[in-house]
Protein backbone atom coordinates (compact mmCIF):
# COMPACT_ATOMS: atom_id res chain seq x y z
CA GLN A 1 14.24 20.40 1.81
CA LYS A 2 11.17 22.45 1.90
CA ILE A 3 8.18 20.84 0.52
CA ASN A 4 5.29 22.67 -0.72
CA LYS A 5 2.07 20.72 0.23
CA GLN A 6 -0.06 22.55 -2.45
CA ASN A 7 2.07 20.98 -5.15
CA PRO A 8 2.44 17.55 -6.40
CA LEU A 9 5.86 15.85 -6.26
CA ASN A 10 5.87 15.28 -10.08
CA PRO A 11 6.84 18.82 -11.58
CA THR A 12 5.14 17.82 -14.69
CA ALA A 13 1.80 17.66 -13.36
CA SER A 14 -0.24 20.70 -13.96
CA VAL A 15 -3.76 20.00 -12.82
CA GLY A 16 -5.62 16.99 -11.36
CA ALA A 17 -2.87 16.07 -9.17
CA LYS A 18 -2.57 16.31 -5.28
CA MET A 19 0.30 15.14 -2.98
CA LEU A 20 -0.65 12.92 -0.17
CA SER A 21 1.43 14.05 2.88
CA VAL A 22 2.06 11.23 5.28
CA GLU A 23 2.95 13.67 8.14
CA GLU A 24 -0.75 15.04 7.70
CA ALA A 25 -2.19 11.54 7.03
CA ASN A 26 -1.22 10.18 10.36
CA ARG A 27 -3.67 12.67 11.94
CA TYR A 28 -6.85 11.53 9.93
CA ALA A 29 -9.33 9.70 12.03
CA GLY A 30 -10.81 6.25 10.75
CA TRP A 31 -8.46 5.81 8.04
CA PHE A 32 -7.05 2.27 9.47
CA ASP A 33 -3.39 2.83 8.33
CA ASP A 34 -4.68 2.71 4.78
CA PRO A 35 -3.38 5.21 2.19
CA ALA A 36 -6.30 4.15 -0.13
CA ARG A 37 -8.93 5.64 2.29
CA LEU A 38 -6.93 8.76 2.68
CA VAL A 39 -7.30 9.99 -0.76
CA SER A 40 -11.28 9.94 -0.60
CA THR A 41 -10.70 13.32 1.09
CA PHE A 42 -9.62 14.70 -2.30
CA ALA A 43 -12.28 16.30 -4.55
CA GLY A 44 -13.98 14.07 -7.13
CA VAL A 45 -12.79 10.83 -5.19
CA SER A 46 -14.87 8.71 -3.07
CA SER A 47 -14.49 5.16 -1.20
CA ASN A 48 -16.61 2.56 0.42
CA VAL A 49 -16.84 1.53 4.17
CA GLY A 50 -16.63 -2.16 3.17
CA ASN A 51 -13.54 -1.78 1.14
CA ASN A 52 -10.77 0.47 0.23
CA GLY A 53 -11.69 0.87 -3.55
CA ILE A 54 -11.19 4.22 -4.95
CA SER A 55 -13.72 5.78 -7.36
CA VAL A 56 -12.58 8.79 -9.29
CA HIS A 57 -15.30 10.80 -10.77
CA GLY A 58 -17.70 7.98 -10.47
CA ASN A 59 -15.50 5.37 -12.50
CA ASN A 60 -14.97 1.71 -11.29
CA PRO A 61 -11.99 1.23 -8.80
CA LYS A 62 -10.44 -1.21 -11.29
CA TYR A 63 -9.65 1.44 -13.81
CA LEU A 64 -7.37 3.13 -11.26
CA GLN A 65 -3.62 2.46 -11.83
CA TRP A 66 -1.26 1.61 -8.90
CA LYS A 67 2.32 2.68 -9.01
CA LEU A 68 5.30 2.10 -6.54
CA GLU A 69 8.55 3.54 -6.93
CA GLY A 70 7.73 4.71 -10.47
CA ILE A 71 6.83 1.18 -11.41
CA GLU A 72 3.08 -0.19 -12.15
CA ILE A 73 2.12 -2.78 -9.78
CA PRO A 74 -0.83 -5.29 -9.34
CA ASN A 75 -3.47 -4.20 -6.86
CA PRO A 76 -1.53 -3.92 -3.48
CA ASN A 77 -4.42 -4.67 -1.02
CA HIS A 78 -5.11 -7.60 1.11
CA PHE A 79 -7.69 -9.72 -0.44
CA ALA A 80 -7.56 -7.76 -3.53
CA ASP A 81 -10.34 -7.90 -6.27
CA THR A 82 -12.39 -10.55 -4.06
CA SER A 83 -15.10 -8.38 -3.48
CA THR A 84 -14.68 -5.45 -5.68
CA PHE A 85 -12.37 -5.14 -8.64
CA GLY A 86 -9.56 -2.84 -7.94
CA ALA A 87 -9.89 -2.85 -4.20
CA GLY A 88 -9.21 -5.02 -1.16
CA ILE A 89 -9.90 -4.75 2.55
CA LEU A 90 -6.85 -2.87 3.53
CA SER A 91 -3.69 -1.91 1.97
CA GLY A 92 -0.54 -4.01 2.01
CA LEU A 93 1.87 -0.97 2.41
CA SER A 94 1.91 0.55 5.94
CA SER A 95 2.04 4.30 6.65
CA HIS A 96 5.17 3.80 8.39
CA ASN A 97 7.04 2.93 5.15
CA LEU A 98 4.86 5.00 2.94
CA GLY A 99 6.58 8.37 1.65
CA ASN A 100 5.05 11.50 0.40
CA SER A 101 3.08 10.32 -2.77
CA ASP A 102 1.05 11.65 -5.77
CA PHE A 103 -2.65 10.97 -6.52
CA PHE A 104 -3.82 11.94 -9.95
CA SER A 105 -7.54 12.38 -10.77
CA GLY A 106 -7.07 13.47 -14.25
CA ALA A 107 -5.13 15.17 -16.74
CA PHE A 108 -2.10 12.70 -16.37
CA PRO A 109 1.35 13.84 -17.52
CA ALA A 110 2.59 12.01 -20.53
CA GLU A 111 4.73 9.53 -18.56
CA TYR A 112 1.58 7.76 -17.41
CA SER A 113 -0.55 5.42 -19.29
CA ASN A 114 -2.83 2.46 -18.93
CA ALA A 115 -5.37 4.30 -16.70
CA LEU A 116 -8.72 5.52 -17.26
CA SER A 117 -9.64 7.10 -13.85
CA GLY A 118 -6.77 7.78 -11.72
CA ILE A 119 -3.29 7.05 -10.62
CA PHE A 120 -1.84 6.41 -7.18
CA ASP A 121 1.88 7.05 -7.46
CA MET A 122 3.26 5.80 -4.20
CA ASN A 123 6.86 5.93 -2.74
CA ILE A 124 8.56 4.02 -0.07
CA ARG A 125 10.59 6.63 2.05
CA LYS A 126 14.19 6.33 2.68
CA GLY A 127 15.33 5.06 6.20
CA ASN A 128 17.12 6.70 8.74
CA SER A 129 21.01 7.15 7.72
CA ARG A 130 22.16 8.56 11.16
CA LYS A 131 20.70 6.18 13.79
CA LYS A 132 18.54 2.92 14.14
CA GLU A 133 15.03 3.19 15.17
CA ARG A 134 12.42 0.61 15.99
CA THR A 135 8.53 0.71 16.19
CA PHE A 136 5.87 -1.82 17.48
CA GLN A 137 2.20 -1.20 17.64
CA ALA A 138 -0.61 -3.44 17.96
CA GLY A 139 -3.98 -2.59 16.96
CA ILE A 140 -7.39 -3.95 15.48
CA MET A 141 -5.93 -4.27 11.95
CA GLY A 142 -2.75 -6.25 13.13
CA LEU A 143 0.66 -6.57 15.19
CA ASP A 144 3.12 -4.17 13.19
CA TYR A 145 6.89 -4.05 13.57
CA ALA A 146 9.10 -1.65 11.73
CA GLU A 147 12.86 -0.97 11.75
CA GLU A 148 15.19 1.70 9.90
CA GLY A 149 18.69 2.72 10.29
CA PRO A 150 22.12 3.00 8.56
CA PHE A 151 24.01 -0.13 7.33
CA LYS A 152 26.99 0.96 9.20
CA LYS A 153 27.70 3.86 11.56
CA GLY A 154 28.73 6.99 9.73
CA GLY A 155 27.65 5.87 6.28
CA ASN A 156 25.08 7.10 4.08
CA SER A 157 23.27 3.85 3.01
CA SER A 158 20.07 2.91 4.87
CA TYR A 159 17.42 0.37 5.32
CA ILE A 160 13.72 0.42 6.16
CA PHE A 161 11.21 -2.44 6.44
CA ASN A 162 7.90 -3.26 7.99
CA TYR A 163 6.24 -6.47 8.90
CA ARG A 164 2.55 -6.65 9.79
CA TYR A 165 0.29 -9.90 11.00
CA SER A 166 -3.24 -9.73 11.24
CA THR A 167 -4.86 -9.44 14.87
CA LEU A 168 -8.03 -11.29 13.74
CA SER A 169 -6.13 -14.54 13.08
CA LEU A 170 -4.88 -14.51 16.69
CA ILE A 171 -8.21 -14.27 18.08
CA LYS A 172 -10.18 -16.34 15.77
CA ASP A 173 -10.98 -18.98 18.72
CA LEU A 174 -13.17 -16.25 20.25
CA PHE A 175 -15.35 -16.40 17.34
CA PRO A 176 -18.45 -18.54 16.81
CA GLN A 177 -17.92 -21.78 15.20
CA ASP A 178 -20.02 -20.95 12.17
CA ALA A 179 -17.77 -17.92 11.37
CA GLY A 180 -15.63 -19.90 9.00
CA LYS A 181 -11.93 -20.11 8.97
CA GLY A 182 -11.28 -16.60 9.90
CA ILE A 183 -9.19 -13.93 8.31
CA LYS A 184 -5.43 -14.24 8.09
CA TYR A 185 -3.06 -11.83 6.41
CA GLN A 186 0.53 -10.60 6.68
CA ASP A 187 2.60 -8.28 4.60
CA VAL A 188 6.35 -6.93 4.42
CA SER A 189 7.81 -4.05 2.63
CA PHE A 190 11.08 -2.64 2.56
CA LYS A 191 13.68 -0.43 0.80
CA LEU A 192 17.36 -0.50 0.56
CA ASN A 193 19.13 2.74 -0.26
CA PHE A 194 22.69 3.07 -1.56
CA PRO A 195 23.79 6.61 -2.56
CA THR A 196 27.21 7.08 -4.15
CA LYS A 197 29.51 9.91 -4.82
CA LYS A 198 29.74 9.68 -8.66
CA ALA A 199 27.43 6.99 -9.69
CA GLY A 200 24.06 8.19 -8.46
CA THR A 201 21.65 6.42 -6.03
CA PHE A 202 20.86 2.75 -6.19
CA SER A 203 17.57 1.54 -4.46
CA LEU A 204 16.30 -1.97 -3.93
CA TRP A 205 12.53 -2.10 -2.77
CA GLY A 206 9.83 -4.63 -2.39
CA LEU A 207 6.20 -5.41 -1.37
CA GLY A 208 4.88 -8.76 -0.50
CA LEU A 209 1.35 -10.04 0.65
CA LYS A 210 -0.09 -13.35 1.91
CA ASP A 211 -3.82 -13.74 2.71
CA PHE A 212 -6.16 -16.53 3.50
CA THR A 213 -9.88 -16.99 4.41
CA GLY A 214 -12.39 -19.28 3.89
CA VAL A 215 -15.47 -21.24 5.04
CA ASP A 216 -16.44 -24.96 5.15
CA ALA A 217 -19.69 -26.55 3.74
CA LYS A 218 -22.10 -27.77 6.30
CA THR A 219 -21.92 -31.59 6.45
CA ASN A 220 -25.54 -32.26 7.44
CA PRO A 221 -27.86 -31.84 4.58
CA ASP A 222 -30.77 -30.87 6.86
CA ASP A 223 -28.88 -27.65 7.51
CA TRP A 224 -28.69 -26.63 3.81
CA GLU A 225 -30.56 -23.61 3.19
CA THR A 226 -28.70 -21.88 0.17
CA ILE A 227 -26.25 -23.06 -2.28
CA ALA A 228 -23.44 -21.59 -0.17
CA ASP A 229 -24.14 -23.84 2.82
CA ARG A 230 -23.00 -26.91 0.43
CA GLN A 231 -19.85 -25.24 -0.50
CA THR A 232 -16.37 -25.16 0.83
CA VAL A 233 -14.51 -21.85 -0.10
CA ASN A 234 -10.76 -21.21 0.09
CA ILE A 235 -9.51 -17.92 -0.74
CA ASP A 236 -5.47 -17.98 -0.75
CA TYR A 237 -3.96 -14.99 -2.15
CA ILE A 238 -0.18 -14.18 -2.51
CA LEU A 239 1.39 -11.17 -4.19
CA GLY A 240 4.92 -9.88 -4.70
CA SER A 241 6.55 -7.05 -6.16
CA ILE A 242 10.09 -6.07 -6.31
CA GLY A 243 12.33 -3.64 -8.00
CA LEU A 244 15.84 -1.97 -8.40
CA SER A 245 16.18 1.58 -9.53
CA HIS A 246 19.16 3.81 -10.23
CA LYS A 247 18.99 7.66 -10.27
CA ILE A 248 21.67 9.84 -11.33
CA GLN A 249 21.51 13.56 -11.38
CA LEU A 250 22.70 15.14 -14.52
CA ASN A 251 22.40 18.78 -13.15
CA GLU A 252 20.31 20.99 -10.82
CA LYS A 253 17.09 20.47 -12.97
CA SER A 254 17.82 17.38 -14.72
CA TYR A 255 18.21 13.54 -13.70
CA ILE A 256 17.99 9.97 -15.24
CA LYS A 257 16.09 7.34 -13.60
């Protein structure tokens, strides 16, 4: 299938929409495996170095709507809304699983609602239905394992999943004692794809995140200089989204999902 990178995936989008090509995204420098930071290259969109908040035409990141496989989901970022509403430090969806997606910065088609600034309509790509593939990588953002392939040889059904565990939690003993409890996070995303001959295509997908960080209060009152010194703070964040979709093609130009 030939894809025009200049046009969005949604055929009803006329203006204010841009397709995010994962093939091109992997060549961007300094994007930290985070699709939220990539869209800042689009006109009218900006982001912050300290978080992955997306500001469209100067609007607050909390007014952006996140969608996955056509379904509205909560903020899919690690440590979401802890420092900036509508943002986090890193996306919970790895680029390995991310498929070509649409980003809307205005003039939304009629199917979209509940958004004031922009819409990030993300998709999880289908796994390789011909052969099994595995990928492992280690970097500053985490240890990452991904796998995809067919359920059985010669079949059309496929699976893909990705698991990531934070590198910072593995080296927390190297940090100073007053650095707090460190930063721990992990995420998993998957998609199971089952095409049929007459009943269309069924897909089961999901995204899960688990985060933790915190700092203990100083036990010696002589060390108290600010209110924060006498407070114990724990941030424990869990997010899960799961969906089942069914798409059936009526003819060459029409389908029901």
